[in-house]
C-alpha cells in the first residue's frame, strides 16, 4: 500500500463530501425557509453515515446544525 496515495485519496473524497454536503444543506435550508417550512432561527439534529461495504464499515456521526 502506498500511504501517500491512500491519504491523498481519502482527503480528496472527504473534500468532495464536505463541499457537496454543505451545498445540499444550504439549498435545503434556503428552500425550507422560503416555503415557510422552518423559521430562520431553528436548529436541527443531523446524521452523516459513512459506509464502505467492502470493508464492512458503517459509522454514523451525529451533530446539530444551528441557523442562529
Protein backbone atom coordinates (compact mmCIF):
# COMPACT_ATOMS: atom_id res chain seq x y z
CA UNK A 1 0.00 0.00 0.00
CA UNK A 2 1.23 3.47 -0.85
CA UNK A 3 0.47 5.62 2.22
CA UNK A 4 0.70 8.90 0.31
CA UNK A 5 -1.75 7.77 -2.39
CA UNK A 6 -4.06 6.37 0.27
CA UNK A 7 -4.06 9.58 2.33
CA UNK A 8 -4.49 11.81 -0.71
CA UNK A 9 -7.44 9.78 -1.97
CA UNK A 10 -9.12 9.91 1.45
CA UNK A 11 -8.61 13.67 1.63
CA UNK A 12 -9.97 14.16 -1.89
CA UNK A 13 -13.04 12.09 -1.06
CA UNK A 14 -13.68 13.94 2.21
CA UNK A 15 -13.26 17.31 0.48
CA UNK A 16 -15.81 16.30 -2.17
CA UNK A 17 -18.21 15.07 0.51
CA UNK A 18 -17.75 18.22 2.58
CA UNK A 19 -18.28 20.67 -0.28
CA UNK A 20 -21.26 18.82 -1.76
CA UNK A 21 -22.86 18.21 1.65
CA UNK A 22 -22.62 21.88 2.54
CA UNK A 23 -24.15 22.88 -0.79
CA UNK A 24 -27.05 20.43 -0.34
CA UNK A 25 -27.72 21.55 3.24
CA UNK A 26 -27.66 25.23 2.27
CA UNK A 27 -30.05 24.58 -0.62
CA UNK A 28 -32.46 22.58 1.58
CA UNK A 29 -32.42 25.22 4.33
CA UNK A 30 -32.99 28.08 1.87
CA UNK A 31 -35.88 26.23 0.25
CA UNK A 32 -37.44 25.36 3.61
CA UNK A 33 -37.19 28.95 4.83
CA UNK A 34 -38.59 30.21 1.52
CA UNK A 35 -41.64 27.93 1.74
CA UNK A 36 -42.17 28.67 5.43
CA UNK A 37 -41.50 25.06 6.47
CA UNK A 38 -38.91 26.26 9.00
CA UNK A 39 -38.02 29.54 10.65
CA UNK A 40 -34.59 31.06 10.16
CA UNK A 41 -33.82 30.63 13.84
CA UNK A 42 -34.19 26.88 14.33
CA UNK A 43 -31.62 24.20 14.91
CA UNK A 44 -31.98 20.58 13.98
CA UNK A 45 -30.17 17.29 14.51
CA UNK A 46 -28.12 15.87 11.67
CA UNK A 47 -26.66 12.44 11.00
CA UNK A 48 -23.97 11.58 8.48
CA UNK A 49 -23.33 7.94 7.61
CA UNK A 50 -20.05 6.63 6.26
CA UNK A 51 -20.30 3.26 4.60
CA UNK A 52 -17.70 1.17 2.81
CA UNK A 53 -19.35 -2.14 2.04
CA UNK A 54 -16.17 -3.94 1.04
CA UNK A 55 -14.59 -3.10 4.42
CA UNK A 56 -17.80 -3.78 6.35
CA UNK A 57 -17.58 -0.23 7.69
CA UNK A 58 -20.78 1.51 8.71
CA UNK A 59 -20.35 4.51 11.03
CA UNK A 60 -22.81 7.25 11.96
CA UNK A 61 -21.78 10.73 13.03
CA UNK A 62 -24.36 12.84 14.86
CA UNK A 63 -24.42 16.58 15.28
CA UNK A 64 -26.54 19.69 15.18
CA UNK A 65 -26.98 22.46 12.63
CA UNK A 66 -27.93 25.84 14.06
CA UNK A 67 -29.32 28.65 11.95
CA UNK A 68 -28.88 31.28 14.61
